[in-house]
C-alpha atoms as a PDB file:
ATOM      1  CA  MET A   1     -14.509 -10.675   0.173  1.00  0.00           C
ATOM      2  CA  ASN A   2     -13.436  -8.771  -2.872  1.00  0.00           C
ATOM      3  CA  LEU A   3      -9.885  -7.596  -2.787  1.00  0.00           C
ATOM      4  CA  ARG A   4      -8.479  -5.463  -5.067  1.00  0.00           C
ATOM      5  CA  LEU A   5      -5.531  -4.877  -6.697  1.00  0.00           C
ATOM      6  CA  HIS A   6      -5.107  -1.159  -5.561  1.00  0.00           C
ATOM      7  CA  GLN A   7      -5.910  -1.927  -1.833  1.00  0.00           C
ATOM      8  CA  LEU A   8      -2.914  -4.379  -1.734  1.00  0.00           C
ATOM      9  CA  ARG A   9      -0.555  -1.936  -3.770  1.00  0.00           C
ATOM     10  CA  ALA A  10      -1.962   0.497  -1.042  1.00  0.00           C
ATOM     11  CA  LEU A  11      -0.729  -2.224   1.944  1.00  0.00           C
ATOM     12  CA  THR A  12       2.363  -3.020   0.342  1.00  0.00           C
ATOM     13  CA  GLY A  13       3.249   0.533  -0.296  1.00  0.00           C
ATOM     14  CA  VAL A  14       2.396   1.792   3.180  1.00  0.00           C
ATOM     15  CA  VAL A  15       4.760  -1.268   4.853  1.00  0.00           C
ATOM     16  CA  GLU A  16       7.335  -0.873   2.166  1.00  0.00           C
ATOM     17  CA  HIS A  17       7.693   2.841   3.130  1.00  0.00           C
ATOM     18  CA  GLY A  18       7.034   3.456   6.608  1.00  0.00           C
ATOM     19  CA  SER A  19       3.742   5.589   6.286  1.00  0.00           C
ATOM     20  CA  ILE A  20       0.726   6.804   4.029  1.00  0.00           C
ATOM     21  CA  ARG A  21       2.826  10.220   3.530  1.00  0.00           C
ATOM     22  CA  ALA A  22       6.032   8.461   1.950  1.00  0.00           C
ATOM     23  CA  ALA A  23       3.689   5.614  -0.187  1.00  0.00           C
ATOM     24  CA  ALA A  24       1.337   7.829  -1.589  1.00  0.00           C
ATOM     25  CA  ARG A  25       4.728   9.866  -2.780  1.00  0.00           C
ATOM     26  CA  HIS A  26       6.020   6.768  -4.089  1.00  0.00           C
ATOM     27  CA  LEU A  27       2.451   5.265  -5.810  1.00  0.00           C
ATOM     28  CA  TYR A  28       1.284   8.704  -7.456  1.00  0.00           C
ATOM     29  CA  VAL A  29      -1.829   9.206  -5.279  1.00  0.00           C
ATOM     30  CA  SER A  30      -3.003  11.226  -2.704  1.00  0.00           C
ATOM     31  CA  GLN A  31      -2.949  10.623   1.148  1.00  0.00           C
ATOM     32  CA  ALA A  32      -6.717  10.996   1.134  1.00  0.00           C
ATOM     33  CA  ALA A  33      -7.080   8.052  -1.849  1.00  0.00           C
ATOM     34  CA  LEU A  34      -4.626   5.968   0.014  1.00  0.00           C
ATOM     35  CA  THR A  35      -6.072   5.885   3.345  1.00  0.00           C
ATOM     36  CA  LYS A  36      -9.353   5.409   1.769  1.00  0.00           C
ATOM     37  CA  ALA A  37      -7.966   2.585   0.012  1.00  0.00           C
ATOM     38  CA  LEU A  38      -6.624   0.838   3.097  1.00  0.00           C
ATOM     39  CA  ARG A  39     -10.315   1.874   4.920  1.00  0.00           C
ATOM     40  CA  GLU A  40     -11.792  -0.277   2.044  1.00  0.00           C
ATOM     41  CA  LEU A  41      -9.394  -3.180   2.267  1.00  0.00           C
ATOM     42  CA  GLU A  42      -9.775  -3.780   5.902  1.00  0.00           C
ATOM     43  CA  ASP A  43     -13.906  -2.951   5.431  1.00  0.00           C
ATOM     44  CA  ASP A  44     -13.573  -5.800   2.902  1.00  0.00           C
ATOM     45  CA  ALA A  45     -11.528  -8.552   5.042  1.00  0.00           C
ATOM     46  CA  GLY A  46     -13.217  -7.530   7.800  1.00  0.00           C
ATOM     47  CA  VAL A  47     -10.675  -7.587  10.358  1.00  0.00           C
ATOM     48  CA  ALA A  48      -8.080  -4.853  11.445  1.00  0.00           C
ATOM     49  CA  LEU A  49      -5.178  -4.958   9.199  1.00  0.00           C
ATOM     50  CA  LEU A  50      -2.864  -2.029  10.493  1.00  0.00           C
ATOM     51  CA  VAL A  51      -2.161   0.010  14.167  1.00  0.00           C
ATOM     52  CA  ARG A  52      -1.653   3.702  13.488  1.00  0.00           C
ATOM     53  CA  SER A  53       0.477   5.412  15.779  1.00  0.00           C
ATOM     54  CA  ALA A  54       2.909   8.927  16.029  1.00  0.00           C
ATOM     55  CA  ARG A  55       5.341   6.397  14.965  1.00  0.00           C
ATOM     56  CA  GLY A  56       4.286   5.440  11.900  1.00  0.00           C
ATOM     57  CA  VAL A  57       1.956   2.668  10.543  1.00  0.00           C
ATOM     58  CA  GLN A  58       2.178  -1.282  11.700  1.00  0.00           C
ATOM     59  CA  LEU A  59       0.666  -4.274  10.800  1.00  0.00           C
ATOM     60  CA  THR A  60      -1.695  -6.918  13.062  1.00  0.00           C
ATOM     61  CA  ALA A  61      -1.355 -10.506  13.027  1.00  0.00           C
ATOM     62  CA  GLU A  62      -3.850 -10.390  10.018  1.00  0.00           C
ATOM     63  CA  GLY A  63      -2.191  -7.596   8.253  1.00  0.00           C
ATOM     64  CA  GLN A  64       1.190  -9.665   8.392  1.00  0.00           C
ATOM     65  CA  ARG A  65      -0.549 -12.654   7.250  1.00  0.00           C
ATOM     66  CA  LEU A  66      -2.028 -10.636   4.366  1.00  0.00           C
ATOM     67  CA  LEU A  67       0.795  -9.085   3.297  1.00  0.00           C
ATOM     68  CA  ALA A  68       2.483 -12.169   2.130  1.00  0.00           C
ATOM     69  CA  ARG A  69       0.221 -12.687  -0.058  1.00  0.00           C
ATOM     70  CA  ALA A  70      -0.110  -9.292  -1.428  1.00  0.00           C
ATOM     71  CA  ARG A  71       3.393  -8.916  -1.940  1.00  0.00           C
ATOM     72  CA  LEU A  72       3.150 -12.132  -4.189  1.00  0.00           C
ATOM     73  CA  VAL A  73       0.057 -10.971  -6.099  1.00  0.00           C
ATOM     74  CA  VAL A  74       1.734  -7.356  -6.621  1.00  0.00           C
ATOM     75  CA  ARG A  75       4.925  -8.968  -7.640  1.00  0.00           C
ATOM     76  CA  GLN A  76       3.174 -11.178 -10.657  1.00  0.00           C
ATOM     77  CA  LEU A  77       1.020  -8.300 -11.856  1.00  0.00           C
ATOM     78  CA  ASP A  78       3.987  -6.138 -12.408  1.00  0.00           C
ATOM     79  CA  LEU A  79       5.523  -9.333 -14.228  1.00  0.00           C
ATOM     80  CA  ALA A  80       2.964  -9.789 -16.113  1.00  0.00           C
ATOM     81  CA  GLU A  81       2.285  -5.778 -17.177  1.00  0.00           C
ATOM     82  CA  GLN A  82       6.456  -6.289 -17.880  1.00  0.00           C
ATOM     83  CA  GLU A  83       5.916  -9.145 -20.250  1.00  0.00           C
ATOM     84  CA  LEU A  84       3.010  -7.189 -22.143  1.00  0.00           C
ATOM     85  CA  ALA A  85       5.384  -4.519 -22.308  1.00  0.00           C
ATOM     86  CA  GLN A  86       8.236  -6.668 -23.912  1.00  0.00           C
ATOM     87  CA  ALA A  87       5.809  -8.001 -26.450  1.00  0.00           C
ATOM     88  CA  GLN A  88       5.223  -4.412 -27.800  1.00  0.00           C
ATOM     89  CA  HIS A  89       8.666  -4.089 -27.828  1.00  0.00           C
ATOM     90  CA  SER A  90       9.104  -1.774 -24.748  1.00  0.00           C
ATOM     91  CA  ALA A  91      11.675  -1.973 -22.352  1.00  0.00           C
ATOM     92  CA  HIS A  92      12.108  -5.274 -20.046  1.00  0.00           C
ATOM     93  CA  GLY A  93      12.050  -4.810 -16.410  1.00  0.00           C
ATOM     94  CA  PRO A  94      14.141  -5.781 -13.878  1.00  0.00           C
ATOM     95  CA  VAL A  95      15.266  -8.937 -13.092  1.00  0.00           C
ATOM     96  CA  HIS A  96      16.144 -10.494  -9.153  1.00  0.00           C
ATOM     97  CA  ILE A  97      18.286 -13.181  -8.522  1.00  0.00           C
ATOM     98  CA  ALA A  98      20.132 -14.532  -5.539  1.00  0.00           C
ATOM     99  CA  LEU A  99      23.669 -16.439  -5.763  1.00  0.00           C
ATOM    100  CA  THR A 100      25.153 -18.583  -3.270  1.00  0.00           C
ATOM    101  CA  PRO A 101      28.935 -16.685  -2.303  1.00  0.00           C
ATOM    102  CA  PHE A 102      30.587 -19.541  -4.213  1.00  0.00           C
ATOM    103  CA  LEU A 103      28.908 -18.591  -7.203  1.00  0.00           C
ATOM    104  CA  THR A 104      29.522 -15.554  -6.965  1.00  0.00           C
ATOM    105  CA  LEU A 105      33.387 -15.693  -6.551  1.00  0.00           C
ATOM    106  CA  THR A 106      33.559 -18.251  -9.230  1.00  0.00           C
ATOM    107  CA  HIS A 107      31.528 -17.568 -12.439  1.00  0.00           C
ATOM    108  CA  LEU A 108      29.526 -13.940 -11.448  1.00  0.00           C
ATOM    109  CA  GLY A 109      31.542 -12.199 -14.246  1.00  0.00           C
ATOM    110  CA  PRO A 110      30.935 -14.733 -16.977  1.00  0.00           C
ATOM    111  CA  LEU A 111      27.456 -15.221 -16.062  1.00  0.00           C
ATOM    112  CA  VAL A 112      26.950 -11.263 -16.301  1.00  0.00           C
ATOM    113  CA  GLN A 113      28.838 -10.878 -19.276  1.00  0.00           C
ATOM    114  CA  ALA A 114      26.741 -13.509 -21.210  1.00  0.00           C
ATOM    115  CA  PHE A 115      23.728 -12.067 -19.845  1.00  0.00           C
ATOM    116  CA  ARG A 116      24.324  -8.541 -21.376  1.00  0.00           C
ATOM    117  CA  GLN A 117      25.096  -9.983 -24.822  1.00  0.00           C
ATOM    118  CA  ARG A 118      21.353 -10.717 -25.864  1.00  0.00           C
ATOM    119  CA  TYR A 119      20.030  -7.921 -22.568  1.00  0.00           C
ATOM    120  CA  PRO A 120      22.052  -4.591 -22.461  1.00  0.00           C
ATOM    121  CA  HIS A 121      19.995  -2.718 -21.112  1.00  0.00           C
ATOM    122  CA  VAL A 122      17.858  -5.038 -18.540  1.00  0.00           C
ATOM    123  CA  PRO A 123      17.902  -3.442 -15.136  1.00  0.00           C
ATOM    124  CA  LEU A 124      19.678  -6.176 -12.767  1.00  0.00           C
ATOM    125  CA  GLU A 125      19.627  -6.925  -9.307  1.00  0.00           C
ATOM    126  CA  LEU A 126      22.062  -9.514  -7.491  1.00  0.00           C
ATOM    127  CA  MET A 127      21.799 -10.075  -3.644  1.00  0.00           C
ATOM    128  CA  GLU A 128      23.908 -13.101  -2.006  1.00  0.00           C
ATOM    129  CA  GLY A 129      21.833 -16.165  -2.103  1.00  0.00           C
ATOM    130  CA  LEU A 130      22.179 -17.368   1.699  1.00  0.00           C
ATOM    131  CA  ALA A 131      19.323 -20.087   1.891  1.00  0.00           C
ATOM    132  CA  SER A 132      18.185 -17.843   4.763  1.00  0.00           C
ATOM    133  CA  ARG A 133      17.756 -14.089   3.239  1.00  0.00           C
ATOM    134  CA  ALA A 134      16.830 -16.187  -0.086  1.00  0.00           C
ATOM    135  CA  LEU A 135      13.945 -18.299   0.921  1.00  0.00           C
ATOM    136  CA  PRO A 136      11.634 -15.619   2.078  1.00  0.00           C
ATOM    137  CA  ARG A 137      12.106 -13.489  -1.169  1.00  0.00           C
ATOM    138  CA  LEU A 138      11.215 -15.997  -2.926  1.00  0.00           C
ATOM    139  CA  ARG A 139       8.280 -17.021  -1.170  1.00  0.00           C
ATOM    140  CA  ASP A 140       7.516 -13.283  -1.342  1.00  0.00           C
ATOM    141  CA  GLY A 141       7.544 -12.957  -5.282  1.00  0.00           C
ATOM    142  CA  SER A 142      10.214 -10.502  -5.067  1.00  0.00           C
ATOM    143  CA  LEU A 143      13.082 -12.847  -6.153  1.00  0.00           C
ATOM    144  CA  ASP A 144      13.296 -14.033  -9.900  1.00  0.00           C
ATOM    145  CA  TRP A 145      14.903 -17.433  -8.852  1.00  0.00           C
ATOM    146  CA  ALA A 146      17.838 -18.290  -6.434  1.00  0.00           C
ATOM    147  CA  ALA A 147      20.888 -20.857  -7.053  1.00  0.00           C
ATOM    148  CA  VAL A 148      21.571 -21.591  -3.071  1.00  0.00           C
ATOM    149  CA  VAL A 149      23.468 -24.382  -1.468  1.00  0.00           C
ATOM    150  CA  ASP A 150      21.534 -27.133  -0.687  1.00  0.00           C
ATOM    151  CA  VAL A 151      22.946 -29.488   2.373  1.00  0.00           C
ATOM    152  CA  GLY A 152      19.472 -31.366   2.692  1.00  0.00           C
ATOM    153  CA  ASP A 153      17.554 -29.065   4.670  1.00  0.00           C
ATOM    154  CA  LEU A 154      15.797 -26.900   1.951  1.00  0.00           C
ATOM    155  CA  PRO A 155      11.743 -27.006   1.325  1.00  0.00           C
ATOM    156  CA  LEU A 156      12.485 -28.312  -2.238  1.00  0.00           C
ATOM    157  CA  SER A 157       8.523 -29.413  -2.357  1.00  0.00           C
ATOM    158  CA  GLU A 158       7.741 -25.744  -2.082  1.00  0.00           C
ATOM    159  CA  PHE A 159       9.888 -24.429  -5.193  1.00  0.00           C
ATOM    160  CA  HIS A 160      10.468 -25.523  -8.424  1.00  0.00           C
ATOM    161  CA  SER A 161      14.138 -26.669  -8.298  1.00  0.00           C
ATOM    162  CA  GLN A 162      17.038 -27.776 -10.625  1.00  0.00           C
ATOM    163  CA  VAL A 163      20.066 -29.222  -9.955  1.00  0.00           C
ATOM    164  CA  LEU A 164      22.989 -27.610 -10.730  1.00  0.00           C
ATOM    165  CA  GLY A 165      25.598 -29.754  -9.467  1.00  0.00           C
ATOM    166  CA  ARG A 166      27.634 -31.416  -6.577  1.00  0.00           C
ATOM    167  CA  ILE A 167      30.291 -29.825  -5.298  1.00  0.00           C
ATOM    168  CA  GLU A 168      33.673 -31.229  -3.486  1.00  0.00           C
ATOM    169  CA  GLN A 169      34.827 -29.097  -0.175  1.00  0.00           C
ATOM    170  CA  HIS A 170      38.085 -28.860   1.365  1.00  0.00           C
ATOM    171  CA  ILE A 171      39.166 -27.959   4.880  1.00  0.00           C
ATOM    172  CA  VAL A 172      41.488 -24.754   4.619  1.00  0.00           C
ATOM    173  CA  VAL A 173      43.810 -22.624   6.959  1.00  0.00           C
ATOM    174  CA  ARG A 174      46.168 -20.205   6.010  1.00  0.00           C
ATOM    175  CA  GLN A 175      49.524 -20.527   4.080  1.00  0.00           C
ATOM    176  CA  GLY A 176      52.069 -20.958   6.778  1.00  0.00           C
ATOM    177  CA  HIS A 177      49.892 -21.950   9.752  1.00  0.00           C
ATOM    178  CA  PRO A 178      50.952 -24.461  12.388  1.00  0.00           C
ATOM    179  CA  LEU A 179      48.773 -27.098  11.017  1.00  0.00           C
ATOM    180  CA  ALA A 180      49.355 -26.396   7.148  1.00  0.00           C
ATOM    181  CA  GLN A 181      51.627 -29.365   7.299  1.00  0.00           C
ATOM    182  CA  ARG A 182      50.932 -32.007   9.338  1.00  0.00           C
ATOM    183  CA  PRO A 183      47.029 -31.352  10.912  1.00  0.00           C
ATOM    184  CA  ASP A 184      46.071 -33.377  13.312  1.00  0.00           C
ATOM    185  CA  ILE A 185      42.886 -33.817  15.369  1.00  0.00           C
ATOM    186  CA  ALA A 186      43.086 -32.187  18.315  1.00  0.00           C
ATOM    187  CA  GLY A 187      45.019 -29.369  16.705  1.00  0.00           C
ATOM    188  CA  LEU A 188      41.983 -28.934  14.578  1.00  0.00           C
ATOM    189  CA  THR A 189      39.561 -29.040  17.527  1.00  0.00           C
ATOM    190  CA  ALA A 190      41.271 -26.596  19.653  1.00  0.00           C
ATOM    191  CA  LEU A 191      40.890 -24.168  16.807  1.00  0.00           C
ATOM    192  CA  GLU A 192      38.400 -21.873  16.041  1.00  0.00           C
ATOM    193  CA  TRP A 193      36.450 -22.161  13.318  1.00  0.00           C
ATOM    194  CA  VAL A 194      35.007 -19.619  10.648  1.00  0.00           C
ATOM    195  CA  GLN A 195      31.307 -20.539   8.786  1.00  0.00           C
ATOM    196  CA  SER A 196      29.386 -18.600   6.735  1.00  0.00           C
ATOM    197  CA  GLY A 197      25.977 -17.793   7.391  1.00  0.00           C
ATOM    198  CA  PRO A 198      23.974 -17.940  10.932  1.00  0.00           C
ATOM    199  CA  SER A 199      24.631 -20.098  13.394  1.00  0.00           C
ATOM    200  CA  ASP A 200      20.974 -20.790  13.686  1.00  0.00           C
ATOM    201  CA  GLY A 201      19.480 -24.381  12.573  1.00  0.00           C
ATOM    202  CA  ARG A 202      20.885 -27.423  10.827  1.00  0.00           C
ATOM    203  CA  ARG A 203      23.018 -25.493   8.842  1.00  0.00           C
ATOM    204  CA  GLY A 204      24.649 -23.331  11.513  1.00  0.00           C
ATOM    205  CA  GLN A 205      25.704 -26.704  12.764  1.00  0.00           C
ATOM    206  CA  ARG A 206      27.385 -27.915   9.625  1.00  0.00           C
ATOM    207  CA  VAL A 207      31.133 -27.832  11.288  1.00  0.00           C
ATOM    208  CA  GLN A 208      30.500 -29.342  14.479  1.00  0.00           C
ATOM    209  CA  GLN A 209      28.604 -31.933  12.858  1.00  0.00           C
ATOM    210  CA  MET A 210      31.549 -32.810  10.433  1.00  0.00           C
ATOM    211  CA  PHE A 211      33.387 -34.014  13.731  1.00  0.00           C
ATOM    212  CA  ILE A 212      30.614 -35.810  15.590  1.00  0.00           C
ATOM    213  CA  GLN A 213      29.650 -37.792  12.682  1.00  0.00           C
ATOM    214  CA  GLN A 214      33.366 -39.242  12.813  1.00  0.00           C
ATOM    215  CA  GLY A 215      32.669 -39.972  16.563  1.00  0.00           C
ATOM    216  CA  LEU A 216      35.364 -36.874  17.215  1.00  0.00           C
ATOM    217  CA  PRO A 217      34.953 -33.935  19.418  1.00  0.00           C
ATOM    218  CA  PRO A 218      33.602 -30.821  17.934  1.00  0.00           C
ATOM    219  CA  PRO A 219      35.132 -27.385  17.994  1.00  0.00           C
ATOM    220  CA  GLN A 220      33.836 -25.331  20.318  1.00  0.00           C
ATOM    221  CA  ARG A 221      34.592 -22.208  19.020  1.00  0.00           C
ATOM    222  CA  VAL A 222      32.891 -21.172  15.649  1.00  0.00           C
ATOM    223  CA  LEU A 223      32.466 -17.600  14.416  1.00  0.00           C
ATOM    224  CA  HIS A 224      29.677 -17.367  12.087  1.00  0.00           C
ATOM    225  CA  CYS A 225      29.627 -14.328   9.610  1.00  0.00           C
ATOM    226  CA  ASP A 226      29.425 -13.589   5.812  1.00  0.00           C
ATOM    227  CA  ALA A 227      31.178 -15.389   3.101  1.00  0.00           C
ATOM    228  CA  LEU A 228      34.003 -12.385   2.362  1.00  0.00           C
ATOM    229  CA  ALA A 229      34.333 -12.060   6.292  1.00  0.00           C
ATOM    230  CA  ALA A 230      35.312 -15.730   6.499  1.00  0.00           C
ATOM    231  CA  LEU A 231      37.778 -15.936   3.406  1.00  0.00           C
ATOM    232  CA  SER A 232      39.660 -12.270   4.816  1.00  0.00           C
ATOM    233  CA  LEU A 233      39.717 -14.278   8.359  1.00  0.00           C
ATOM    234  CA  LEU A 234      41.164 -17.317   6.938  1.00  0.00           C
ATOM    235  CA  ARG A 235      43.762 -15.648   4.688  1.00  0.00           C
ATOM    236  CA  SER A 236      44.905 -13.637   7.838  1.00  0.00           C
ATOM    237  CA  THR A 237      44.164 -15.559  11.182  1.00  0.00           C
ATOM    238  CA  ASP A 238      44.930 -19.243  12.580  1.00  0.00           C
ATOM    239  CA  VAL A 239      41.255 -20.081  12.252  1.00  0.00           C
ATOM    240  CA  ALA A 240      40.265 -23.307  10.384  1.00  0.00           C
ATOM    241  CA  GLY A 241      37.151 -23.106   7.765  1.00  0.00           C
ATOM    242  CA  VAL A 242      35.361 -25.178   4.856  1.00  0.00           C
ATOM    243  CA  VAL A 243      35.442 -24.028   1.349  1.00  0.00           C
ATOM    244  CA  PRO A 244      34.625 -25.368  -1.625  1.00  0.00           C
ATOM    245  CA  ALA A 245      37.083 -27.029  -3.962  1.00  0.00           C
ATOM    246  CA  PRO A 246      36.991 -24.557  -7.062  1.00  0.00           C
ATOM    247  CA  LEU A 247      37.223 -21.482  -4.777  1.00  0.00           C
ATOM    248  CA  LEU A 248      41.352 -22.773  -4.508  1.00  0.00           C
ATOM    249  CA  ALA A 249      41.544 -21.198  -7.768  1.00  0.00           C
ATOM    250  CA  GLN A 250      39.993 -18.013  -8.038  1.00  0.00           C
ATOM    251  CA  PRO A 251      41.691 -14.473  -6.199  1.00  0.00           C
ATOM    252  CA  GLU A 252      39.778 -14.696  -3.189  1.00  0.00           C
ATOM    253  CA  GLY A 253      41.242 -18.239  -2.087  1.00  0.00           C
ATOM    254  CA  ARG A 254      44.963 -16.931  -2.606  1.00  0.00           C
ATOM    255  CA  ASP A 255      47.149 -18.122   0.111  1.00  0.00           C
ATOM    256  CA  LEU A 256      44.429 -20.929   1.420  1.00  0.00           C
ATOM    257  CA  VAL A 257      45.805 -24.702   2.121  1.00  0.00           C
ATOM    258  CA  PRO A 258      43.334 -27.468   2.028  1.00  0.00           C
ATOM    259  CA  LEU A 259      44.350 -30.000   4.483  1.00  0.00           C
ATOM    260  CA  HIS A 260      44.351 -33.912   4.059  1.00  0.00           C
ATOM    261  CA  VAL A 261      42.736 -35.095   7.324  1.00  0.00           C
ATOM    262  CA  PRO A 262      41.638 -38.848   6.574  1.00  0.00           C
ATOM    263  CA  LYS A 263      39.100 -39.084  10.289  1.00  0.00           C
ATOM    264  CA  LEU A 264      37.509 -35.839   8.469  1.00  0.00           C
ATOM    265  CA  HIS A 265      34.466 -37.144   6.048  1.00  0.00           C
ATOM    266  CA  LEU A 266      33.797 -34.356   3.946  1.00  0.00           C
ATOM    267  CA  PRO A 267      30.084 -34.865   1.568  1.00  0.00           C
ATOM    268  CA  HIS A 268      30.188 -32.718  -1.536  1.00  0.00           C
ATOM    269  CA  PHE A 269      27.213 -30.077  -1.385  1.00  0.00           C
ATOM    270  CA  THR A 270      24.461 -29.797  -4.008  1.00  0.00           C
ATOM    271  CA  LEU A 271      24.104 -26.565  -5.679  1.00  0.00           C
ATOM    272  CA  VAL A 272      20.126 -26.012  -6.733  1.00  0.00           C
ATOM    273  CA  LEU A 273      18.164 -23.808  -8.757  1.00  0.00           C
ATOM    274  CA  LEU A 274      14.894 -22.574  -7.167  1.00  0.00           C
ATOM    275  CA  SER A 275      12.052 -20.336  -8.260  1.00  0.00           C
ATOM    276  CA  GLN A 276       8.246 -20.175  -7.525  1.00  0.00           C
ATOM    277  CA  PRO A 277       5.896 -23.219  -8.779  1.00  0.00           C
ATOM    278  CA  ASP A 278       3.663 -22.448 -11.466  1.00  0.00           C
ATOM    279  CA  VAL A 279       5.031 -19.229 -12.338  1.00  0.00           C
ATOM    280  CA  PRO A 280       6.737 -18.640 -15.514  1.00  0.00           C
ATOM    281  CA  LEU A 281       9.941 -16.736 -15.079  1.00  0.00           C
ATOM    282  CA  THR A 282      10.550 -13.586 -17.688  1.00  0.00           C
ATOM    283  CA  ALA A 283      12.597 -13.836 -20.443  1.00  0.00           C
ATOM    284  CA  PRO A 284      15.664 -12.214 -19.335  1.00  0.00           C
ATOM    285  CA  ALA A 285      15.695 -14.543 -15.988  1.00  0.00           C
ATOM    286  CA  ALA A 286      15.023 -17.388 -17.786  1.00  0.00           C
ATOM    287  CA  TYR A 287      17.805 -16.422 -20.382  1.00  0.00           C
ATOM    288  CA  LEU A 288      20.164 -15.860 -17.457  1.00  0.00           C
ATOM    289  CA  ALA A 289      19.226 -19.086 -15.478  1.00  0.00           C
ATOM    290  CA  ASP A 290      20.204 -21.017 -18.964  1.00  0.00           C
ATOM    291  CA  CYS A 291      23.465 -18.910 -19.139  1.00  0.00           C
ATOM    292  CA  LEU A 292      24.199 -19.933 -15.149  1.00  0.00           C
ATOM    293  CA  VAL A 293      23.042 -23.861 -16.659  1.00  0.00           C
ATOM    294  CA  ARG A 294      25.721 -23.596 -19.470  1.00  0.00           C
ATOM    295  CA  GLU A 295      28.528 -21.804 -17.230  1.00  0.00           C
ATOM    296  CA  LEU A 296      28.529 -24.512 -14.781  1.00  0.00           C
END
């Protein structure tokens, strides 16, 4: 098998843009040239990779498997070209990172300010670093690094990982909440709780597990949503939730009251910085990671 870069670019381009015409326009090649590259790729692979229909182009199962590798190869070649351009004093390529919402709300401003002092013109893309969203993009190479929360379920051996710190958490309700002054287990169990992130897997059961581990009946209602939505609900309704302690000193934590509940043990969570193993970061991406380490 002799896969070539222009073939892999053709495959990723068609998937990203939805059609041969759109991909050809984006890659600055003719539709005929792009179609030929895809046909040669299928011939070299020895299997069908694409299914063409009136609705566009769809991948076969074999195409899906190749796509993940193709994206990584194309991304790394793009990074190599950017580093060579940087060595020639050309413009830097973009930096793509993910930050867990806690870091976005507490440290993003100083982090970007420090980065801009050295790299004022480097394009920077930030995404919300929930693990369920960040890990797939780390795997396909579309993220340089991600700072995420580890609750013991991250595949750390799959990535280069660096522990950034351990953060204390608090159970919180809004100021004036009926349980703000005298919280009790029965009252907390009866409340609806909010939790950021998807509802599946171990992470989706964090609130319930907090009760179960202490032999207490867990809440029956847990609303899963994005971090900003969770904070808005905590400030404006009678739900309860768990937030990182430093967040209470930020504007987003205003009007939130931490509850002291001796029967509920809240473990610290760990912040980790993940990146591709054996793939060096570009100079701007490495500097931004260093800025985060210093900021924390």
